[in-house]
Amino acid sequence: EAGIAEQVAKALFNKGVRLAMADQKEKANQVVFEILDRYGKRTE
């Protein structure tokens, strides 16, 4: 569902930012790719 999926995407993005800020760039990259793979084709 768009509303729930959007909140999950935002949570994943926040996780990626936190990991990047903690200098865990490899893990942050994995999270970003997960976001783009999972939600990249959503048009909402």
All heavy atoms as atom14 arrays in JSON, in Angstrom:
{
  "sequence": "EAGIAEQVAKALFNKGVRLAMADQKEKANQVVFEILDRYGKRTE",
  "atom14_mask": [
    [1, 1, 1, 1, 1, 1, 1, 1, 1, 0, 0, 0, 0, 0],
    [1, 1, 1, 1, 1, 0, 0, 0, 0, 0, 0, 0, 0, 0],
    [1, 1, 1, 1, 0, 0, 0, 0, 0, 0, 0, 0, 0, 0],
    [1, 1, 1, 1, 1, 1, 1, 1, 0, 0, 0, 0, 0, 0],
    [1, 1, 1, 1, 1, 0, 0, 0, 0, 0, 0, 0, 0, 0],
    [1, 1, 1, 1, 1, 1, 1, 1, 1, 0, 0, 0, 0, 0],
    [1, 1, 1, 1, 1, 1, 1, 1, 1, 0, 0, 0, 0, 0],
    [1, 1, 1, 1, 1, 1, 1, 0, 0, 0, 0, 0, 0, 0],
    [1, 1, 1, 1, 1, 0, 0, 0, 0, 0, 0, 0, 0, 0],
    [1, 1, 1, 1, 1, 1, 1, 1, 1, 0, 0, 0, 0, 0],
    [1, 1, 1, 1, 1, 0, 0, 0, 0, 0, 0, 0, 0, 0],
    [1, 1, 1, 1, 1, 1, 1, 1, 0, 0, 0, 0, 0, 0],
    [1, 1, 1, 1, 1, 1, 1, 1, 1, 1, 1, 0, 0, 0],
    [1, 1, 1, 1, 1, 1, 1, 1, 0, 0, 0, 0, 0, 0],
    [1, 1, 1, 1, 1, 1, 1, 1, 1, 0, 0, 0, 0, 0],
    [1, 1, 1, 1, 0, 0, 0, 0, 0, 0, 0, 0, 0, 0],
    [1, 1, 1, 1, 1, 1, 1, 0, 0, 0, 0, 0, 0, 0],
    [1, 1, 1, 1, 1, 1, 1, 1, 1, 1, 1, 0, 0, 0],
    [1, 1, 1, 1, 1, 1, 1, 1, 0, 0, 0, 0, 0, 0],
    [1, 1, 1, 1, 1, 0, 0, 0, 0, 0, 0, 0, 0, 0],
    [1, 1, 1, 1, 1, 1, 1, 1, 0, 0, 0, 0, 0, 0],
    [1, 1, 1, 1, 1, 0, 0, 0, 0, 0, 0, 0, 0, 0],
    [1, 1, 1, 1, 1, 1, 1, 1, 0, 0, 0, 0, 0, 0],
    [1, 1, 1, 1, 1, 1, 1, 1, 1, 0, 0, 0, 0, 0],
    [1, 1, 1, 1, 1, 1, 1, 1, 1, 0, 0, 0, 0, 0],
    [1, 1, 1, 1, 1, 1, 1, 1, 1, 0, 0, 0, 0, 0],
    [1, 1, 1, 1, 1, 1, 1, 1, 1, 0, 0, 0, 0, 0],
    [1, 1, 1, 1, 1, 0, 0, 0, 0, 0, 0, 0, 0, 0],
    [1, 1, 1, 1, 1, 1, 1, 1, 0, 0, 0, 0, 0, 0],
    [1, 1, 1, 1, 1, 1, 1, 1, 1, 0, 0, 0, 0, 0],
    [1, 1, 1, 1, 1, 1, 1, 0, 0, 0, 0, 0, 0, 0],
    [1, 1, 1, 1, 1, 1, 1, 0, 0, 0, 0, 0, 0, 0],
    [1, 1, 1, 1, 1, 1, 1, 1, 1, 1, 1, 0, 0, 0],
    [1, 1, 1, 1, 1, 1, 1, 1, 1, 0, 0, 0, 0, 0],
    [1, 1, 1, 1, 1, 1, 1, 1, 0, 0, 0, 0, 0, 0],
    [1, 1, 1, 1, 1, 1, 1, 1, 0, 0, 0, 0, 0, 0],
    [1, 1, 1, 1, 1, 1, 1, 1, 0, 0, 0, 0, 0, 0],
    [1, 1, 1, 1, 1, 1, 1, 1, 1, 1, 1, 0, 0, 0],
    [1, 1, 1, 1, 1, 1, 1, 1, 1, 1, 1, 1, 0, 0],
    [1, 1, 1, 1, 0, 0, 0, 0, 0, 0, 0, 0, 0, 0],
    [1, 1, 1, 1, 1, 1, 1, 1, 1, 0, 0, 0, 0, 0],
    [1, 1, 1, 1, 1, 1, 1, 1, 1, 1, 1, 0, 0, 0],
    [1, 1, 1, 1, 1, 1, 1, 0, 0, 0, 0, 0, 0, 0],
    [1, 1, 1, 1, 1, 1, 1, 1, 1, 0, 0, 0, 0, 0]
  ],
  "atom14_positions": [
    [[0.85, -1.19, 0.0], [0.0, 0.0, 0.0], [0.89, 1.25, 0.0], [1.86, 1.31, 0.74], [-0.91, 0.04, 1.23], [-1.85, -1.15, 1.33], [-1.3, -2.23, 2.25], [-0.13, -2.62, 2.08], [-2.05, -2.69, 3.12], [0.0, 0.0, 0.0], [0.0, 0.0, 0.0], [0.0, 0.0, 0.0], [0.0, 0.0, 0.0], [0.0, 0.0, 0.0]],
    [[0.54, 2.22, -0.8], [1.39, 3.39, -1.0], [1.77, 4.07, 0.31], [2.95, 4.37, 0.53], [0.72, 4.39, -1.95], [0.0, 0.0, 0.0], [0.0, 0.0, 0.0], [0.0, 0.0, 0.0], [0.0, 0.0, 0.0], [0.0, 0.0, 0.0], [0.0, 0.0, 0.0], [0.0, 0.0, 0.0], [0.0, 0.0, 0.0], [0.0, 0.0, 0.0]],
    [[0.82, 4.32, 1.18], [1.12, 5.02, 2.43], [2.08, 4.27, 3.32], [3.0, 4.85, 3.9], [0.0, 0.0, 0.0], [0.0, 0.0, 0.0], [0.0, 0.0, 0.0], [0.0, 0.0, 0.0], [0.0, 0.0, 0.0], [0.0, 0.0, 0.0], [0.0, 0.0, 0.0], [0.0, 0.0, 0.0], [0.0, 0.0, 0.0], [0.0, 0.0, 0.0]],
    [[1.88, 2.97, 3.43], [2.77, 2.15, 4.27], [4.13, 1.99, 3.6], [5.17, 2.14, 4.24], [2.12, 0.79, 4.57], [0.87, 1.0, 5.43], [3.1, -0.15, 5.25], [0.02, -0.22, 5.63], [0.0, 0.0, 0.0], [0.0, 0.0, 0.0], [0.0, 0.0, 0.0], [0.0, 0.0, 0.0], [0.0, 0.0, 0.0], [0.0, 0.0, 0.0]],
    [[4.13, 1.69, 2.31], [5.39, 1.52, 1.58], [6.22, 2.8, 1.61], [7.44, 2.76, 1.73], [5.11, 1.09, 0.14], [0.0, 0.0, 0.0], [0.0, 0.0, 0.0], [0.0, 0.0, 0.0], [0.0, 0.0, 0.0], [0.0, 0.0, 0.0], [0.0, 0.0, 0.0], [0.0, 0.0, 0.0], [0.0, 0.0, 0.0], [0.0, 0.0, 0.0]],
    [[5.54, 3.94, 1.55], [6.26, 5.22, 1.62], [6.96, 5.37, 2.97], [8.11, 5.81, 3.04], [5.29, 6.38, 1.41], [5.93, 7.73, 1.56], [4.91, 8.85, 1.66], [3.7, 8.62, 1.49], [5.35, 9.98, 1.91], [0.0, 0.0, 0.0], [0.0, 0.0, 0.0], [0.0, 0.0, 0.0], [0.0, 0.0, 0.0], [0.0, 0.0, 0.0]],
    [[6.28, 5.0, 4.05], [6.88, 5.11, 5.38], [8.07, 4.16, 5.52], [9.08, 4.51, 6.14], [5.83, 4.83, 6.46], [4.73, 5.87, 6.52], [5.28, 7.27, 6.72], [6.12, 7.51, 7.58], [4.8, 8.21, 5.93], [0.0, 0.0, 0.0], [0.0, 0.0, 0.0], [0.0, 0.0, 0.0], [0.0, 0.0, 0.0], [0.0, 0.0, 0.0]],
    [[7.96, 2.97, 4.95], [9.08, 2.03, 4.98], [10.26, 2.59, 4.18], [11.41, 2.53, 4.62], [8.66, 0.63, 4.44], [9.87, -0.29, 4.3], [7.61, 0.01, 5.35], [0.0, 0.0, 0.0], [0.0, 0.0, 0.0], [0.0, 0.0, 0.0], [0.0, 0.0, 0.0], [0.0, 0.0, 0.0], [0.0, 0.0, 0.0], [0.0, 0.0, 0.0]],
    [[9.97, 3.16, 3.01], [11.03, 3.75, 2.19], [11.72, 4.88, 2.95], [12.95, 5.0, 2.92], [10.45, 4.25, 0.87], [0.0, 0.0, 0.0], [0.0, 0.0, 0.0], [0.0, 0.0, 0.0], [0.0, 0.0, 0.0], [0.0, 0.0, 0.0], [0.0, 0.0, 0.0], [0.0, 0.0, 0.0], [0.0, 0.0, 0.0], [0.0, 0.0, 0.0]],
    [[10.94, 5.71, 3.64], [11.53, 6.8, 4.42], [12.39, 6.26, 5.56], [13.47, 6.79, 5.84], [10.44, 7.72, 4.98], [9.8, 8.6, 3.93], [8.71, 9.46, 4.54], [8.06, 10.34, 3.51], [6.98, 11.15, 4.1], [0.0, 0.0, 0.0], [0.0, 0.0, 0.0], [0.0, 0.0, 0.0], [0.0, 0.0, 0.0], [0.0, 0.0, 0.0]],
    [[11.92, 5.2, 6.21], [12.7, 4.6, 7.29], [14.01, 4.03, 6.75], [15.07, 4.2, 7.38], [11.89, 3.51, 7.99], [0.0, 0.0, 0.0], [0.0, 0.0, 0.0], [0.0, 0.0, 0.0], [0.0, 0.0, 0.0], [0.0, 0.0, 0.0], [0.0, 0.0, 0.0], [0.0, 0.0, 0.0], [0.0, 0.0, 0.0], [0.0, 0.0, 0.0]],
    [[13.95, 3.39, 5.6], [15.18, 2.86, 5.0], [16.13, 4.0, 4.63], [17.34, 3.89, 4.84], [14.86, 2.02, 3.77], [14.24, 0.65, 4.04], [13.76, 0.01, 2.75], [15.25, -0.25, 4.74], [0.0, 0.0, 0.0], [0.0, 0.0, 0.0], [0.0, 0.0, 0.0], [0.0, 0.0, 0.0], [0.0, 0.0, 0.0], [0.0, 0.0, 0.0]],
    [[15.59, 5.09, 4.08], [16.44, 6.22, 3.74], [17.11, 6.79, 4.98], [18.32, 7.05, 4.98], [15.62, 7.32, 3.03], [16.45, 8.52, 2.71], [17.35, 8.49, 1.66], [16.36, 9.67, 3.47], [18.16, 9.6, 1.38], [17.15, 10.77, 3.19], [18.04, 10.74, 2.14], [0.0, 0.0, 0.0], [0.0, 0.0, 0.0], [0.0, 0.0, 0.0]],
    [[16.33, 6.96, 6.05], [16.91, 7.46, 7.31], [18.0, 6.53, 7.82], [19.04, 6.98, 8.31], [15.82, 7.63, 8.36], [14.88, 8.77, 8.03], [15.23, 9.7, 7.31], [13.67, 8.7, 8.54], [0.0, 0.0, 0.0], [0.0, 0.0, 0.0], [0.0, 0.0, 0.0], [0.0, 0.0, 0.0], [0.0, 0.0, 0.0], [0.0, 0.0, 0.0]],
    [[17.78, 5.23, 7.68], [18.79, 4.26, 8.08], [20.06, 4.46, 7.25], [21.17, 4.45, 7.79], [18.24, 2.84, 7.9], [19.24, 1.76, 8.2], [18.63, 0.38, 7.96], [19.64, -0.72, 8.19], [19.03, -2.05, 7.95], [0.0, 0.0, 0.0], [0.0, 0.0, 0.0], [0.0, 0.0, 0.0], [0.0, 0.0, 0.0], [0.0, 0.0, 0.0]],
    [[19.89, 4.64, 5.94], [21.05, 4.86, 5.07], [21.83, 6.1, 5.45], [23.07, 6.1, 5.48], [0.0, 0.0, 0.0], [0.0, 0.0, 0.0], [0.0, 0.0, 0.0], [0.0, 0.0, 0.0], [0.0, 0.0, 0.0], [0.0, 0.0, 0.0], [0.0, 0.0, 0.0], [0.0, 0.0, 0.0], [0.0, 0.0, 0.0], [0.0, 0.0, 0.0]],
    [[21.12, 7.17, 5.78], [21.77, 8.41, 6.2], [22.53, 8.19, 7.5], [23.68, 8.61, 7.64], [20.75, 9.56, 6.34], [21.36, 10.77, 7.01], [20.19, 9.94, 4.97], [0.0, 0.0, 0.0], [0.0, 0.0, 0.0], [0.0, 0.0, 0.0], [0.0, 0.0, 0.0], [0.0, 0.0, 0.0], [0.0, 0.0, 0.0], [0.0, 0.0, 0.0]],
    [[21.89, 7.53, 8.47], [22.56, 7.28, 9.75], [23.82, 6.44, 9.57], [24.85, 6.71, 10.18], [21.6, 6.58, 10.71], [20.56, 7.49, 11.28], [19.72, 6.76, 12.33], [18.66, 7.6, 12.81], [17.41, 7.56, 12.36], [17.05, 6.7, 11.45], [16.5, 8.38, 12.85], [0.0, 0.0, 0.0], [0.0, 0.0, 0.0], [0.0, 0.0, 0.0]],
    [[23.73, 5.43, 8.71], [24.9, 4.59, 8.46], [26.01, 5.39, 7.78], [27.18, 5.25, 8.13], [24.51, 3.37, 7.61], [23.66, 2.33, 8.32], [23.09, 1.34, 7.31], [24.48, 1.6, 9.39], [0.0, 0.0, 0.0], [0.0, 0.0, 0.0], [0.0, 0.0, 0.0], [0.0, 0.0, 0.0], [0.0, 0.0, 0.0], [0.0, 0.0, 0.0]],
    [[25.64, 6.24, 6.83], [26.64, 7.07, 6.15], [27.3, 8.01, 7.13], [28.53, 8.2, 7.1], [25.99, 7.85, 5.01], [0.0, 0.0, 0.0], [0.0, 0.0, 0.0], [0.0, 0.0, 0.0], [0.0, 0.0, 0.0], [0.0, 0.0, 0.0], [0.0, 0.0, 0.0], [0.0, 0.0, 0.0], [0.0, 0.0, 0.0], [0.0, 0.0, 0.0]],
    [[26.52, 8.59, 8.03], [27.07, 9.51, 9.02], [27.98, 8.79, 10.02], [28.89, 9.39, 10.58], [25.95, 10.24, 9.74], [25.22, 11.23, 8.84], [23.79, 12.0, 9.64], [24.59, 12.89, 10.96], [0.0, 0.0, 0.0], [0.0, 0.0, 0.0], [0.0, 0.0, 0.0], [0.0, 0.0, 0.0], [0.0, 0.0, 0.0], [0.0, 0.0, 0.0]],
    [[27.72, 7.5, 10.22], [28.55, 6.7, 11.12], [29.74, 6.1, 10.38], [30.41, 5.21, 10.9], [27.7, 5.59, 11.76], [0.0, 0.0, 0.0], [0.0, 0.0, 0.0], [0.0, 0.0, 0.0], [0.0, 0.0, 0.0], [0.0, 0.0, 0.0], [0.0, 0.0, 0.0], [0.0, 0.0, 0.0], [0.0, 0.0, 0.0], [0.0, 0.0, 0.0]],
    [[29.97, 6.57, 9.15], [31.09, 6.12, 8.31], [31.0, 4.63, 8.0], [32.01, 3.93, 7.94], [32.43, 6.48, 8.95], [33.54, 6.57, 7.91], [33.23, 6.88, 6.74], [34.7, 6.3, 8.26], [0.0, 0.0, 0.0], [0.0, 0.0, 0.0], [0.0, 0.0, 0.0], [0.0, 0.0, 0.0], [0.0, 0.0, 0.0], [0.0, 0.0, 0.0]],
    [[29.79, 4.15, 7.81], [29.56, 2.77, 7.39], [29.0, 2.82, 5.96], [27.87, 2.45, 5.69], [28.59, 2.08, 8.35], [29.14, 1.96, 9.75], [28.17, 1.24, 10.66], [27.44, 0.35, 10.25], [28.18, 1.63, 11.92], [0.0, 0.0, 0.0], [0.0, 0.0, 0.0], [0.0, 0.0, 0.0], [0.0, 0.0, 0.0], [0.0, 0.0, 0.0]],
    [[29.85, 3.3, 5.06], [29.4, 3.59, 3.71], [28.95, 2.36, 2.93], [28.01, 2.43, 2.15], [30.49, 4.34, 2.94], [30.71, 5.72, 3.49], [31.75, 6.48, 2.73], [31.91, 7.86, 3.35], [32.87, 8.67, 2.69], [0.0, 0.0, 0.0], [0.0, 0.0, 0.0], [0.0, 0.0, 0.0], [0.0, 0.0, 0.0], [0.0, 0.0, 0.0]],
    [[29.59, 1.23, 3.15], [29.19, 0.02, 2.44], [27.76, -0.38, 2.82], [26.93, -0.69, 1.95], [30.15, -1.13, 2.73], [29.89, -2.36, 1.9], [30.94, -3.43, 2.11], [32.15, -3.09, 2.13], [30.54, -4.59, 2.27], [0.0, 0.0, 0.0], [0.0, 0.0, 0.0], [0.0, 0.0, 0.0], [0.0, 0.0, 0.0], [0.0, 0.0, 0.0]],
    [[27.46, -0.35, 4.11], [26.11, -0.68, 4.57], [25.11, 0.37, 4.08], [24.0, 0.03, 3.68], [26.06, -0.78, 6.09], [26.75, -1.99, 6.65], [26.65, -2.03, 8.15], [27.37, -3.23, 8.73], [27.25, -3.26, 10.21], [0.0, 0.0, 0.0], [0.0, 0.0, 0.0], [0.0, 0.0, 0.0], [0.0, 0.0, 0.0], [0.0, 0.0, 0.0]],
    [[25.52, 1.62, 4.1], [24.64, 2.69, 3.62], [24.32, 2.49, 2.14], [23.17, 2.66, 1.72], [25.29, 4.06, 3.85], [0.0, 0.0, 0.0], [0.0, 0.0, 0.0], [0.0, 0.0, 0.0], [0.0, 0.0, 0.0], [0.0, 0.0, 0.0], [0.0, 0.0, 0.0], [0.0, 0.0, 0.0], [0.0, 0.0, 0.0], [0.0, 0.0, 0.0]],
    [[25.33, 2.12, 1.37], [25.13, 1.85, -0.05], [24.14, 0.72, -0.27], [23.29, 0.79, -1.15], [26.46, 1.49, -0.71], [26.84, 2.45, -1.79], [26.03, 3.2, -2.3], [28.11, 2.43, -2.15], [0.0, 0.0, 0.0], [0.0, 0.0, 0.0], [0.0, 0.0, 0.0], [0.0, 0.0, 0.0], [0.0, 0.0, 0.0], [0.0, 0.0, 0.0]],
    [[24.24, -0.33, 0.54], [23.31, -1.47, 0.42], [21.88, -1.01, 0.66], [20.96, -1.43, -0.05], [23.68, -2.57, 1.41], [24.97, -3.28, 1.08], [25.42, -4.22, 2.2], [24.87, -4.22, 3.29], [26.43, -5.02, 1.92], [0.0, 0.0, 0.0], [0.0, 0.0, 0.0], [0.0, 0.0, 0.0], [0.0, 0.0, 0.0], [0.0, 0.0, 0.0]],
    [[21.69, -0.15, 1.65], [20.35, 0.35, 1.96], [19.82, 1.2, 0.81], [18.67, 1.06, 0.41], [20.36, 1.15, 3.29], [19.03, 1.83, 3.52], [20.7, 0.23, 4.46], [0.0, 0.0, 0.0], [0.0, 0.0, 0.0], [0.0, 0.0, 0.0], [0.0, 0.0, 0.0], [0.0, 0.0, 0.0], [0.0, 0.0, 0.0], [0.0, 0.0, 0.0]],
    [[20.67, 2.06, 0.26], [20.23, 2.91, -0.85], [19.84, 2.06, -2.05], [18.79, 2.29, -2.67], [21.34, 3.93, -1.23], [21.01, 4.63, -2.53], [21.53, 4.94, -0.12], [0.0, 0.0, 0.0], [0.0, 0.0, 0.0], [0.0, 0.0, 0.0], [0.0, 0.0, 0.0], [0.0, 0.0, 0.0], [0.0, 0.0, 0.0], [0.0, 0.0, 0.0]],
    [[20.63, 1.04, -2.36], [20.29, 0.18, -3.49], [19.0, -0.59, -3.21], [18.2, -0.82, -4.13], [21.43, -0.78, -3.82], [22.51, -0.12, -4.64], [23.73, 0.2, -4.08], [22.29, 0.22, -5.96], [24.72, 0.82, -4.81], [23.27, 0.85, -6.72], [24.49, 1.15, -6.14], [0.0, 0.0, 0.0], [0.0, 0.0, 0.0], [0.0, 0.0, 0.0]],
    [[18.76, -0.97, -1.96], [17.52, -1.64, -1.61], [16.33, -0.71, -1.86], [15.31, -1.13, -2.41], [17.54, -2.08, -0.15], [16.28, -2.82, 0.26], [16.31, -3.32, 1.69], [17.37, -3.27, 2.33], [15.25, -3.75, 2.15], [0.0, 0.0, 0.0], [0.0, 0.0, 0.0], [0.0, 0.0, 0.0], [0.0, 0.0, 0.0], [0.0, 0.0, 0.0]],
    [[16.46, 0.55, -1.47], [15.39, 1.52, -1.71], [15.1, 1.64, -3.19], [13.96, 1.57, -3.64], [15.76, 2.91, -1.14], [15.86, 2.88, 0.36], [14.76, 3.98, -1.6], [16.53, 4.11, 0.96], [0.0, 0.0, 0.0], [0.0, 0.0, 0.0], [0.0, 0.0, 0.0], [0.0, 0.0, 0.0], [0.0, 0.0, 0.0], [0.0, 0.0, 0.0]],
    [[16.16, 1.83, -3.97], [15.99, 2.03, -5.41], [15.47, 0.79, -6.09], [14.63, 0.88, -7.0], [17.31, 2.5, -6.02], [17.8, 3.86, -5.5], [19.17, 4.19, -6.06], [16.8, 4.96, -5.79], [0.0, 0.0, 0.0], [0.0, 0.0, 0.0], [0.0, 0.0, 0.0], [0.0, 0.0, 0.0], [0.0, 0.0, 0.0], [0.0, 0.0, 0.0]],
    [[15.91, -0.4, -5.66], [15.4, -1.64, -6.25], [13.94, -1.86, -5.9], [13.14, -2.24, -6.74], [16.21, -2.84, -5.75], [17.58, -2.94, -6.39], [17.82, -2.27, -7.41], [18.42, -3.68, -5.84], [0.0, 0.0, 0.0], [0.0, 0.0, 0.0], [0.0, 0.0, 0.0], [0.0, 0.0, 0.0], [0.0, 0.0, 0.0], [0.0, 0.0, 0.0]],
    [[13.6, -1.62, -4.65], [12.25, -1.92, -4.16], [11.23, -0.88, -4.6], [10.09, -1.21, -4.94], [12.26, -2.0, -2.64], [10.97, -2.56, -2.08], [10.93, -2.54, -0.58], [11.88, -3.44, 0.03], [11.89, -3.71, 1.34], [11.02, -3.15, 2.15], [12.79, -4.53, 1.84], [0.0, 0.0, 0.0], [0.0, 0.0, 0.0], [0.0, 0.0, 0.0]],
    [[11.6, 0.39, -4.61], [10.64, 1.47, -4.83], [10.92, 2.32, -6.05], [10.15, 3.23, -6.35], [10.57, 2.37, -3.59], [10.23, 1.62, -2.35], [11.19, 1.38, -1.37], [8.95, 1.12, -2.14], [10.89, 0.67, -0.22], [8.63, 0.41, -1.0], [9.6, 0.19, -0.04], [9.29, -0.52, 1.09], [0.0, 0.0, 0.0], [0.0, 0.0, 0.0]],
    [[12.0, 2.06, -6.75], [12.42, 2.91, -7.86], [11.44, 3.05, -8.99], [11.44, 4.05, -9.7], [0.0, 0.0, 0.0], [0.0, 0.0, 0.0], [0.0, 0.0, 0.0], [0.0, 0.0, 0.0], [0.0, 0.0, 0.0], [0.0, 0.0, 0.0], [0.0, 0.0, 0.0], [0.0, 0.0, 0.0], [0.0, 0.0, 0.0], [0.0, 0.0, 0.0]],
    [[10.56, 2.08, -9.16], [9.6, 2.13, -10.25], [8.23, 2.66, -9.8], [7.31, 2.77, -10.62], [9.45, 0.76, -10.88], [10.71, 0.3, -11.59], [10.47, -0.97, -12.36], [11.62, -1.55, -13.09], [12.88, -1.02, -13.15], [0.0, 0.0, 0.0], [0.0, 0.0, 0.0], [0.0, 0.0, 0.0], [0.0, 0.0, 0.0], [0.0, 0.0, 0.0]],
    [[8.1, 3.0, -8.53], [6.82, 3.52, -8.03], [6.61, 4.92, -8.61], [7.53, 5.73, -8.66], [6.81, 3.6, -6.5], [6.99, 2.29, -5.77], [5.8, 1.35, -5.87], [4.61, 1.79, -5.22], [4.05, 1.22, -4.16], [4.63, 0.19, -3.58], [2.92, 1.69, -3.68], [0.0, 0.0, 0.0], [0.0, 0.0, 0.0], [0.0, 0.0, 0.0]],
    [[5.4, 5.18, -9.04], [5.1, 6.46, -9.71], [4.31, 7.42, -8.83], [4.09, 8.56, -9.24], [4.32, 6.21, -11.01], [3.11, 5.5, -10.7], [5.15, 5.41, -12.01], [0.0, 0.0, 0.0], [0.0, 0.0, 0.0], [0.0, 0.0, 0.0], [0.0, 0.0, 0.0], [0.0, 0.0, 0.0], [0.0, 0.0, 0.0], [0.0, 0.0, 0.0]],
    [[3.89, 6.97, -7.65], [3.14, 7.87, -6.78], [4.04, 9.05, -6.39], [5.21, 8.86, -6.07], [2.68, 7.14, -5.5], [1.74, 5.98, -5.74], [2.45, 4.65, -5.89], [3.65, 4.61, -6.23], [1.8, 3.63, -5.67], [0.0, 0.0, 0.0], [0.0, 0.0, 0.0], [0.0, 0.0, 0.0], [0.0, 0.0, 0.0], [0.0, 0.0, 0.0]]
  ]
}
